[in-house]
Amino acid sequence: MERIREQTRLAKWGNSKAARIPNKIIRQLKLDDNQYMIITIENRSVILTPIKKNPINIHELFEDWKDDGKRDHELDLGKSEGNELPW
């Protein structure tokens, strides 16, 4: 991951303060609009950590998956031993 160092400033936002996150950082971290974040203070620094959302469908679950090209056929995992669905 590319190291990015940008400058921003605090601005009044209602009764709070807000800081803008540059678009380059948003893209690198793949943040969404209205992204939930955890705010931590460590060694007099503010750390924002994105909260990963749980995928709601199979497309979201595998959206970042990259095929390694090592399999060109289905894997045989052996005989069913529980309540697996028959294929």
PDB file of N, CA and C in Angstrom:
ATOM      1  N   MET A   1       0.847  -1.165   0.000  1.00  0.00           N
ATOM      2  CA  MET A   1       0.000   0.000   0.000  1.00  0.00           C
ATOM      3  C   MET A   1       0.899   1.236   0.000  1.00  0.00           C
ATOM      4  N   GLU A   2       0.569   2.159  -0.859  1.00  0.00           N
ATOM      5  CA  GLU A   2       1.351   3.385  -0.995  1.00  0.00           C
ATOM      6  C   GLU A   2       1.222   4.251   0.259  1.00  0.00           C
ATOM      7  N   ARG A   3       2.357   4.762   0.736  1.00  0.00           N
ATOM      8  CA  ARG A   3       2.326   5.680   1.878  1.00  0.00           C
ATOM      9  C   ARG A   3       1.928   7.064   1.371  1.00  0.00           C
ATOM     10  N   ILE A   4       0.912   7.630   1.982  1.00  0.00           N
ATOM     11  CA  ILE A   4       0.405   8.941   1.583  1.00  0.00           C
ATOM     12  C   ILE A   4       0.485   9.863   2.791  1.00  0.00           C
ATOM     13  N   ARG A   5       0.973  11.053   2.564  1.00  0.00           N
ATOM     14  CA  ARG A   5       0.995  12.060   3.637  1.00  0.00           C
ATOM     15  C   ARG A   5       0.367  13.322   3.064  1.00  0.00           C
ATOM     16  N   GLU A   6      -0.783  13.698   3.595  1.00  0.00           N
ATOM     17  CA  GLU A   6      -1.534  14.859   3.124  1.00  0.00           C
ATOM     18  C   GLU A   6      -1.820  15.778   4.301  1.00  0.00           C
ATOM     19  N   GLN A   7      -2.118  17.013   4.009  1.00  0.00           N
ATOM     20  CA  GLN A   7      -2.484  17.976   5.038  1.00  0.00           C
ATOM     21  C   GLN A   7      -3.971  18.289   4.904  1.00  0.00           C
ATOM     22  N   THR A   8      -4.627  18.441   6.041  1.00  0.00           N
ATOM     23  CA  THR A   8      -6.030  18.830   6.069  1.00  0.00           C
ATOM     24  C   THR A   8      -6.219  19.766   7.259  1.00  0.00           C
ATOM     25  N   ARG A   9      -7.404  20.302   7.441  1.00  0.00           N
ATOM     26  CA  ARG A   9      -7.642  21.176   8.592  1.00  0.00           C
ATOM     27  C   ARG A   9      -8.997  20.871   9.193  1.00  0.00           C
ATOM     28  N   LEU A  10      -9.139  21.204  10.457  1.00  0.00           N
ATOM     29  CA  LEU A  10     -10.425  21.049  11.126  1.00  0.00           C
ATOM     30  C   LEU A  10     -11.315  22.225  10.772  1.00  0.00           C
ATOM     31  N   ALA A  11     -12.579  21.948  10.548  1.00  0.00           N
ATOM     32  CA  ALA A  11     -13.562  22.989  10.261  1.00  0.00           C
ATOM     33  C   ALA A  11     -14.773  22.756  11.154  1.00  0.00           C
ATOM     34  N   LYS A  12     -15.456  23.814  11.493  1.00  0.00           N
ATOM     35  CA  LYS A  12     -16.657  23.698  12.324  1.00  0.00           C
ATOM     36  C   LYS A  12     -17.757  22.998  11.521  1.00  0.00           C
ATOM     37  N   TRP A  13     -18.416  22.057  12.151  1.00  0.00           N
ATOM     38  CA  TRP A  13     -19.529  21.347  11.543  1.00  0.00           C
ATOM     39  C   TRP A  13     -20.579  21.171  12.626  1.00  0.00           C
ATOM     40  N   GLY A  14     -21.524  22.095  12.697  1.00  0.00           N
ATOM     41  CA  GLY A  14     -22.512  22.080  13.779  1.00  0.00           C
ATOM     42  C   GLY A  14     -21.812  22.313  15.100  1.00  0.00           C
ATOM     43  N   ASN A  15     -22.036  21.425  16.064  1.00  0.00           N
ATOM     44  CA  ASN A  15     -21.373  21.520  17.368  1.00  0.00           C
ATOM     45  C   ASN A  15     -20.073  20.731  17.410  1.00  0.00           C
ATOM     46  N   SER A  16     -19.660  20.174  16.289  1.00  0.00           N
ATOM     47  CA  SER A  16     -18.459  19.347  16.226  1.00  0.00           C
ATOM     48  C   SER A  16     -17.438  19.985  15.303  1.00  0.00           C
ATOM     49  N   LYS A  17     -16.376  19.273  15.071  1.00  0.00           N
ATOM     50  CA  LYS A  17     -15.354  19.649  14.097  1.00  0.00           C
ATOM     51  C   LYS A  17     -15.249  18.509  13.086  1.00  0.00           C
ATOM     52  N   ALA A  18     -14.864  18.851  11.872  1.00  0.00           N
ATOM     53  CA  ALA A  18     -14.724  17.841  10.821  1.00  0.00           C
ATOM     54  C   ALA A  18     -13.414  18.075  10.080  1.00  0.00           C
ATOM     55  N   ALA A  19     -12.821  17.010   9.597  1.00  0.00           N
ATOM     56  CA  ALA A  19     -11.622  17.090   8.761  1.00  0.00           C
ATOM     57  C   ALA A  19     -11.926  16.361   7.462  1.00  0.00           C
ATOM     58  N   ARG A  20     -11.544  16.935   6.352  1.00  0.00           N
ATOM     59  CA  ARG A  20     -11.749  16.289   5.056  1.00  0.00           C
ATOM     60  C   ARG A  20     -10.629  15.286   4.811  1.00  0.00           C
ATOM     61  N   ILE A  21     -11.011  14.150   4.255  1.00  0.00           N
ATOM     62  CA  ILE A  21     -10.033  13.127   3.887  1.00  0.00           C
ATOM     63  C   ILE A  21      -9.828  13.234   2.380  1.00  0.00           C
ATOM     64  N   PRO A  22      -8.594  13.461   1.934  1.00  0.00           N
ATOM     65  CA  PRO A  22      -8.344  13.619   0.493  1.00  0.00           C
ATOM     66  C   PRO A  22      -8.780  12.398  -0.311  1.00  0.00           C
ATOM     67  N   ASN A  23      -9.214  12.659  -1.548  1.00  0.00           N
ATOM     68  CA  ASN A  23      -9.739  11.622  -2.431  1.00  0.00           C
ATOM     69  C   ASN A  23      -8.727  10.507  -2.689  1.00  0.00           C
ATOM     70  N   LYS A  24      -7.445  10.841  -2.756  1.00  0.00           N
ATOM     71  CA  LYS A  24      -6.410   9.830  -2.985  1.00  0.00           C
ATOM     72  C   LYS A  24      -6.424   8.767  -1.876  1.00  0.00           C
ATOM     73  N   ILE A  25      -6.659   9.205  -0.647  1.00  0.00           N
ATOM     74  CA  ILE A  25      -6.731   8.281   0.484  1.00  0.00           C
ATOM     75  C   ILE A  25      -8.027   7.483   0.431  1.00  0.00           C
ATOM     76  N   ILE A  26      -9.127   8.149   0.081  1.00  0.00           N
ATOM     77  CA  ILE A  26     -10.422   7.474  -0.037  1.00  0.00           C
ATOM     78  C   ILE A  26     -10.320   6.323  -1.042  1.00  0.00           C
ATOM     79  N   ARG A  27      -9.710   6.594  -2.192  1.00  0.00           N
ATOM     80  CA  ARG A  27      -9.581   5.564  -3.235  1.00  0.00           C
ATOM     81  C   ARG A  27      -8.672   4.424  -2.783  1.00  0.00           C
ATOM     82  N   GLN A  28      -7.531   4.756  -2.181  1.00  0.00           N
ATOM     83  CA  GLN A  28      -6.593   3.710  -1.767  1.00  0.00           C
ATOM     84  C   GLN A  28      -7.224   2.781  -0.729  1.00  0.00           C
ATOM     85  N   LEU A  29      -7.987   3.348   0.192  1.00  0.00           N
ATOM     86  CA  LEU A  29      -8.605   2.534   1.240  1.00  0.00           C
ATOM     87  C   LEU A  29      -9.972   1.986   0.850  1.00  0.00           C
ATOM     88  N   LYS A  30     -10.453   2.371  -0.348  1.00  0.00           N
ATOM     89  CA  LYS A  30     -11.760   1.919  -0.838  1.00  0.00           C
ATOM     90  C   LYS A  30     -12.870   2.243   0.165  1.00  0.00           C
ATOM     91  N   LEU A  31     -12.852   3.485   0.645  1.00  0.00           N
ATOM     92  CA  LEU A  31     -13.873   3.923   1.593  1.00  0.00           C
ATOM     93  C   LEU A  31     -15.137   4.317   0.847  1.00  0.00           C
ATOM     94  N   ASP A  32     -16.271   4.145   1.487  1.00  0.00           N
ATOM     95  CA  ASP A  32     -17.564   4.491   0.909  1.00  0.00           C
ATOM     96  C   ASP A  32     -18.070   5.794   1.508  1.00  0.00           C
ATOM     97  N   ASP A  33     -19.034   6.411   0.836  1.00  0.00           N
ATOM     98  CA  ASP A  33     -19.738   7.534   1.434  1.00  0.00           C
ATOM     99  C   ASP A  33     -20.418   7.025   2.703  1.00  0.00           C
ATOM    100  N   ASN A  34     -20.459   7.843   3.722  1.00  0.00           N
ATOM    101  CA  ASN A  34     -21.066   7.494   5.013  1.00  0.00           C
ATOM    102  C   ASN A  34     -20.404   6.292   5.677  1.00  0.00           C
ATOM    103  N   GLN A  35     -19.120   6.091   5.389  1.00  0.00           N
ATOM    104  CA  GLN A  35     -18.352   4.983   5.970  1.00  0.00           C
ATOM    105  C   GLN A  35     -18.252   5.157   7.485  1.00  0.00           C
ATOM    106  N   TYR A  36     -18.540   4.118   8.228  1.00  0.00           N
ATOM    107  CA  TYR A  36     -18.358   4.163   9.670  1.00  0.00           C
ATOM    108  C   TYR A  36     -16.885   3.941   9.998  1.00  0.00           C
ATOM    109  N   MET A  37     -16.399   4.686  11.002  1.00  0.00           N
ATOM    110  CA  MET A  37     -14.995   4.626  11.386  1.00  0.00           C
ATOM    111  C   MET A  37     -14.903   4.504  12.908  1.00  0.00           C
ATOM    112  N   ILE A  38     -13.837   3.878  13.366  1.00  0.00           N
ATOM    113  CA  ILE A  38     -13.508   3.861  14.786  1.00  0.00           C
ATOM    114  C   ILE A  38     -12.434   4.922  14.991  1.00  0.00           C
ATOM    115  N   ILE A  39     -12.606   5.789  15.985  1.00  0.00           N
ATOM    116  CA  ILE A  39     -11.636   6.834  16.288  1.00  0.00           C
ATOM    117  C   ILE A  39     -10.856   6.408  17.523  1.00  0.00           C
ATOM    118  N   THR A  40      -9.527   6.390  17.397  1.00  0.00           N
ATOM    119  CA  THR A  40      -8.649   6.011  18.493  1.00  0.00           C
ATOM    120  C   THR A  40      -7.624   7.126  18.691  1.00  0.00           C
ATOM    121  N   ILE A  41      -7.281   7.401  19.929  1.00  0.00           N
ATOM    122  CA  ILE A  41      -6.194   8.335  20.224  1.00  0.00           C
ATOM    123  C   ILE A  41      -5.029   7.508  20.745  1.00  0.00           C
ATOM    124  N   GLU A  42      -3.885   7.666  20.091  1.00  0.00           N
ATOM    125  CA  GLU A  42      -2.697   6.898  20.463  1.00  0.00           C
ATOM    126  C   GLU A  42      -1.476   7.792  20.304  1.00  0.00           C
ATOM    127  N   ASN A  43      -0.712   7.959  21.374  1.00  0.00           N
ATOM    128  CA  ASN A  43       0.493   8.802  21.353  1.00  0.00           C
ATOM    129  C   ASN A  43       0.195  10.198  20.797  1.00  0.00           C
ATOM    130  N   ARG A  44      -0.878  10.797  21.264  1.00  0.00           N
ATOM    131  CA  ARG A  44      -1.295  12.146  20.859  1.00  0.00           C
ATOM    132  C   ARG A  44      -1.613  12.251  19.367  1.00  0.00           C
ATOM    133  N   SER A  45      -1.942  11.123  18.739  1.00  0.00           N
ATOM    134  CA  SER A  45      -2.360  11.099  17.336  1.00  0.00           C
ATOM    135  C   SER A  45      -3.776  10.540  17.245  1.00  0.00           C
ATOM    136  N   VAL A  46      -4.518  11.040  16.266  1.00  0.00           N
ATOM    137  CA  VAL A  46      -5.869  10.544  16.006  1.00  0.00           C
ATOM    138  C   VAL A  46      -5.767   9.493  14.916  1.00  0.00           C
ATOM    139  N   ILE A  47      -6.316   8.316  15.172  1.00  0.00           N
ATOM    140  CA  ILE A  47      -6.291   7.219  14.204  1.00  0.00           C
ATOM    141  C   ILE A  47      -7.727   6.895  13.816  1.00  0.00           C
ATOM    142  N   LEU A  48      -8.025   6.934  12.528  1.00  0.00           N
ATOM    143  CA  LEU A  48      -9.341   6.553  12.014  1.00  0.00           C
ATOM    144  C   LEU A  48      -9.216   5.177  11.375  1.00  0.00           C
ATOM    145  N   THR A  49     -10.005   4.240  11.818  1.00  0.00           N
ATOM    146  CA  THR A  49      -9.979   2.886  11.275  1.00  0.00           C
ATOM    147  C   THR A  49     -11.348   2.565  10.688  1.00  0.00           C
ATOM    148  N   PRO A  50     -11.403   2.280   9.381  1.00  0.00           N
ATOM    149  CA  PRO A  50     -12.700   1.952   8.769  1.00  0.00           C
ATOM    150  C   PRO A  50     -13.266   0.670   9.364  1.00  0.00           C
ATOM    151  N   ILE A  51     -14.563   0.679   9.572  1.00  0.00           N
ATOM    152  CA  ILE A  51     -15.247  -0.531  10.014  1.00  0.00           C
ATOM    153  C   ILE A  51     -15.673  -1.273   8.759  1.00  0.00           C
ATOM    154  N   LYS A  52     -15.222  -2.502   8.633  1.00  0.00           N
ATOM    155  CA  LYS A  52     -15.569  -3.320   7.473  1.00  0.00           C
ATOM    156  C   LYS A  52     -17.034  -3.704   7.549  1.00  0.00           C
ATOM    157  N   LYS A  53     -17.743  -3.484   6.464  1.00  0.00           N
ATOM    158  CA  LYS A  53     -19.146  -3.900   6.436  1.00  0.00           C
ATOM    159  C   LYS A  53     -19.222  -5.363   6.031  1.00  0.00           C
ATOM    160  N   ASN A  54     -20.224  -6.039   6.524  1.00  0.00           N
ATOM    161  CA  ASN A  54     -20.439  -7.431   6.148  1.00  0.00           C
ATOM    162  C   ASN A  54     -21.125  -7.470   4.788  1.00  0.00           C
ATOM    163  N   PRO A  55     -20.642  -8.334   3.897  1.00  0.00           N
ATOM    164  CA  PRO A  55     -21.274  -8.413   2.578  1.00  0.00           C
ATOM    165  C   PRO A  55     -22.729  -8.864   2.687  1.00  0.00           C
ATOM    166  N   ILE A  56     -23.575  -8.303   1.813  1.00  0.00           N
ATOM    167  CA  ILE A  56     -24.992  -8.674   1.855  1.00  0.00           C
ATOM    168  C   ILE A  56     -25.356  -9.641   0.736  1.00  0.00           C
ATOM    169  N   ASN A  57     -24.426  -9.897  -0.177  1.00  0.00           N
ATOM    170  CA  ASN A  57     -24.687 -10.889  -1.224  1.00  0.00           C
ATOM    171  C   ASN A  57     -23.356 -11.468  -1.693  1.00  0.00           C
ATOM    172  N   ILE A  58     -23.420 -12.482  -2.525  1.00  0.00           N
ATOM    173  CA  ILE A  58     -22.217 -13.178  -2.970  1.00  0.00           C
ATOM    174  C   ILE A  58     -21.310 -12.275  -3.809  1.00  0.00           C
ATOM    175  N   HIS A  59     -21.896 -11.301  -4.515  1.00  0.00           N
ATOM    176  CA  HIS A  59     -21.093 -10.389  -5.328  1.00  0.00           C
ATOM    177  C   HIS A  59     -20.217  -9.502  -4.450  1.00  0.00           C
ATOM    178  N   GLU A  60     -20.778  -8.989  -3.357  1.00  0.00           N
ATOM    179  CA  GLU A  60     -19.980  -8.192  -2.417  1.00  0.00           C
ATOM    180  C   GLU A  60     -18.939  -9.058  -1.720  1.00  0.00           C
ATOM    181  N   LEU A  61     -19.299 -10.288  -1.399  1.00  0.00           N
ATOM    182  CA  LEU A  61     -18.385 -11.189  -0.707  1.00  0.00           C
ATOM    183  C   LEU A  61     -17.112 -11.430  -1.516  1.00  0.00           C
ATOM    184  N   PHE A  62     -17.250 -11.570  -2.830  1.00  0.00           N
ATOM    185  CA  PHE A  62     -16.102 -11.911  -3.671  1.00  0.00           C
ATOM    186  C   PHE A  62     -15.642 -10.761  -4.566  1.00  0.00           C
ATOM    187  N   GLU A  63     -16.029  -9.514  -4.282  1.00  0.00           N
ATOM    188  CA  GLU A  63     -15.714  -8.410  -5.180  1.00  0.00           C
ATOM    189  C   GLU A  63     -14.213  -8.165  -5.336  1.00  0.00           C
ATOM    190  N   ASP A  64     -13.401  -8.477  -4.346  1.00  0.00           N
ATOM    191  CA  ASP A  64     -11.951  -8.257  -4.444  1.00  0.00           C
ATOM    192  C   ASP A  64     -11.169  -9.539  -4.709  1.00  0.00           C
ATOM    193  N   TRP A  65     -11.859 -10.640  -4.966  1.00  0.00           N
ATOM    194  CA  TRP A  65     -11.185 -11.922  -5.173  1.00  0.00           C
ATOM    195  C   TRP A  65     -10.445 -11.930  -6.492  1.00  0.00           C
ATOM    196  N   LYS A  66      -9.215 -12.431  -6.461  1.00  0.00           N
ATOM    197  CA  LYS A  66      -8.408 -12.554  -7.665  1.00  0.00           C
ATOM    198  C   LYS A  66      -8.103 -14.033  -7.887  1.00  0.00           C
ATOM    199  N   ASP A  67      -8.398 -14.527  -9.069  1.00  0.00           N
ATOM    200  CA  ASP A  67      -8.150 -15.921  -9.407  1.00  0.00           C
ATOM    201  C   ASP A  67      -6.645 -16.152  -9.524  1.00  0.00           C
ATOM    202  N   ASP A  68      -6.137 -17.158  -8.821  1.00  0.00           N
ATOM    203  CA  ASP A  68      -4.702 -17.446  -8.898  1.00  0.00           C
ATOM    204  C   ASP A  68      -4.365 -18.359 -10.079  1.00  0.00           C
ATOM    205  N   GLY A  69      -5.386 -18.833 -10.800  1.00  0.00           N
ATOM    206  CA  GLY A  69      -5.171 -19.637 -12.000  1.00  0.00           C
ATOM    207  C   GLY A  69      -4.642 -21.039 -11.737  1.00  0.00           C
ATOM    208  N   LYS A  70      -4.658 -21.519 -10.513  1.00  0.00           N
ATOM    209  CA  LYS A  70      -4.094 -22.835 -10.195  1.00  0.00           C
ATOM    210  C   LYS A  70      -5.093 -23.968 -10.379  1.00  0.00           C
ATOM    211  N   ARG A  71      -6.391 -23.643 -10.483  1.00  0.00           N
ATOM    212  CA  ARG A  71      -7.397 -24.694 -10.622  1.00  0.00           C
ATOM    213  C   ARG A  71      -8.150 -24.490 -11.927  1.00  0.00           C
ATOM    214  N   ASP A  72      -8.252 -25.547 -12.693  1.00  0.00           N
ATOM    215  CA  ASP A  72      -9.029 -25.461 -13.929  1.00  0.00           C
ATOM    216  C   ASP A  72     -10.186 -26.458 -13.900  1.00  0.00           C
ATOM    217  N   HIS A  73     -10.468 -27.013 -12.720  1.00  0.00           N
ATOM    218  CA  HIS A  73     -11.569 -27.957 -12.570  1.00  0.00           C
ATOM    219  C   HIS A  73     -12.083 -27.878 -11.121  1.00  0.00           C
ATOM    220  N   GLU A  74     -13.245 -28.479 -10.889  1.00  0.00           N
ATOM    221  CA  GLU A  74     -13.796 -28.502  -9.540  1.00  0.00           C
ATOM    222  C   GLU A  74     -12.931 -29.370  -8.642  1.00  0.00           C
ATOM    223  N   LEU A  75     -12.887 -29.007  -7.374  1.00  0.00           N
ATOM    224  CA  LEU A  75     -12.145 -29.801  -6.407  1.00  0.00           C
ATOM    225  C   LEU A  75     -13.058 -30.898  -5.859  1.00  0.00           C
ATOM    226  N   ASP A  76     -12.543 -32.095  -5.735  1.00  0.00           N
ATOM    227  CA  ASP A  76     -13.294 -33.194  -5.128  1.00  0.00           C
ATOM    228  C   ASP A  76     -12.947 -33.226  -3.652  1.00  0.00           C
ATOM    229  N   LEU A  77     -13.907 -32.874  -2.813  1.00  0.00           N
ATOM    230  CA  LEU A  77     -13.675 -32.832  -1.372  1.00  0.00           C
ATOM    231  C   LEU A  77     -14.137 -34.106  -0.678  1.00  0.00           C
ATOM    232  N   GLY A  78     -14.429 -35.128  -1.452  1.00  0.00           N
ATOM    233  CA  GLY A  78     -14.809 -36.407  -0.864  1.00  0.00           C
ATOM    234  C   GLY A  78     -16.316 -36.565  -0.722  1.00  0.00           C
ATOM    235  N   LYS A  79     -16.686 -37.694  -0.120  1.00  0.00           N
ATOM    236  CA  LYS A  79     -18.085 -38.055   0.056  1.00  0.00           C
ATOM    237  C   LYS A  79     -18.758 -37.148   1.095  1.00  0.00           C
ATOM    238  N   SER A  80     -20.032 -36.832   0.880  1.00  0.00           N
ATOM    239  CA  SER A  80     -20.800 -36.041   1.850  1.00  0.00           C
ATOM    240  C   SER A  80     -20.896 -36.800   3.161  1.00  0.00           C
ATOM    241  N   GLU A  81     -20.704 -36.080   4.262  1.00  0.00           N
ATOM    242  CA  GLU A  81     -20.731 -36.742   5.565  1.00  0.00           C
ATOM    243  C   GLU A  81     -21.720 -36.113   6.534  1.00  0.00           C
ATOM    244  N   GLY A  82     -22.418 -35.079   6.114  1.00  0.00           N
ATOM    245  CA  GLY A  82     -23.348 -34.417   7.031  1.00  0.00           C
ATOM    246  C   GLY A  82     -24.622 -34.053   6.281  1.00  0.00           C
ATOM    247  N   ASN A  83     -25.065 -32.835   6.434  1.00  0.00           N
ATOM    248  CA  ASN A  83     -26.292 -32.372   5.815  1.00  0.00           C
ATOM    249  C   ASN A  83     -26.019 -31.528   4.576  1.00  0.00           C
ATOM    250  N   GLU A  84     -24.920 -31.831   3.862  1.00  0.00           N
ATOM    251  CA  GLU A  84     -24.606 -31.078   2.660  1.00  0.00           C
ATOM    252  C   GLU A  84     -25.671 -31.298   1.603  1.00  0.00           C
ATOM    253  N   LEU A  85     -25.855 -30.278   0.776  1.00  0.00           N
ATOM    254  CA  LEU A  85     -26.801 -30.427  -0.340  1.00  0.00           C
ATOM    255  C   LEU A  85     -26.187 -31.291  -1.426  1.00  0.00           C
ATOM    256  N   PRO A  86     -26.978 -32.171  -2.026  1.00  0.00           N
ATOM    257  CA  PRO A  86     -26.435 -32.996  -3.118  1.00  0.00           C
ATOM    258  C   PRO A  86     -26.232 -32.137  -4.364  1.00  0.00           C
ATOM    259  N   TRP A  87     -25.170 -32.349  -5.076  1.00  0.00           N
ATOM    260  CA  TRP A  87     -24.888 -31.627  -6.318  1.00  0.00           C
ATOM    261  C   TRP A  87     -25.164 -32.565  -7.426  1.00  0.00           C
TER     262      TRP A  87
END
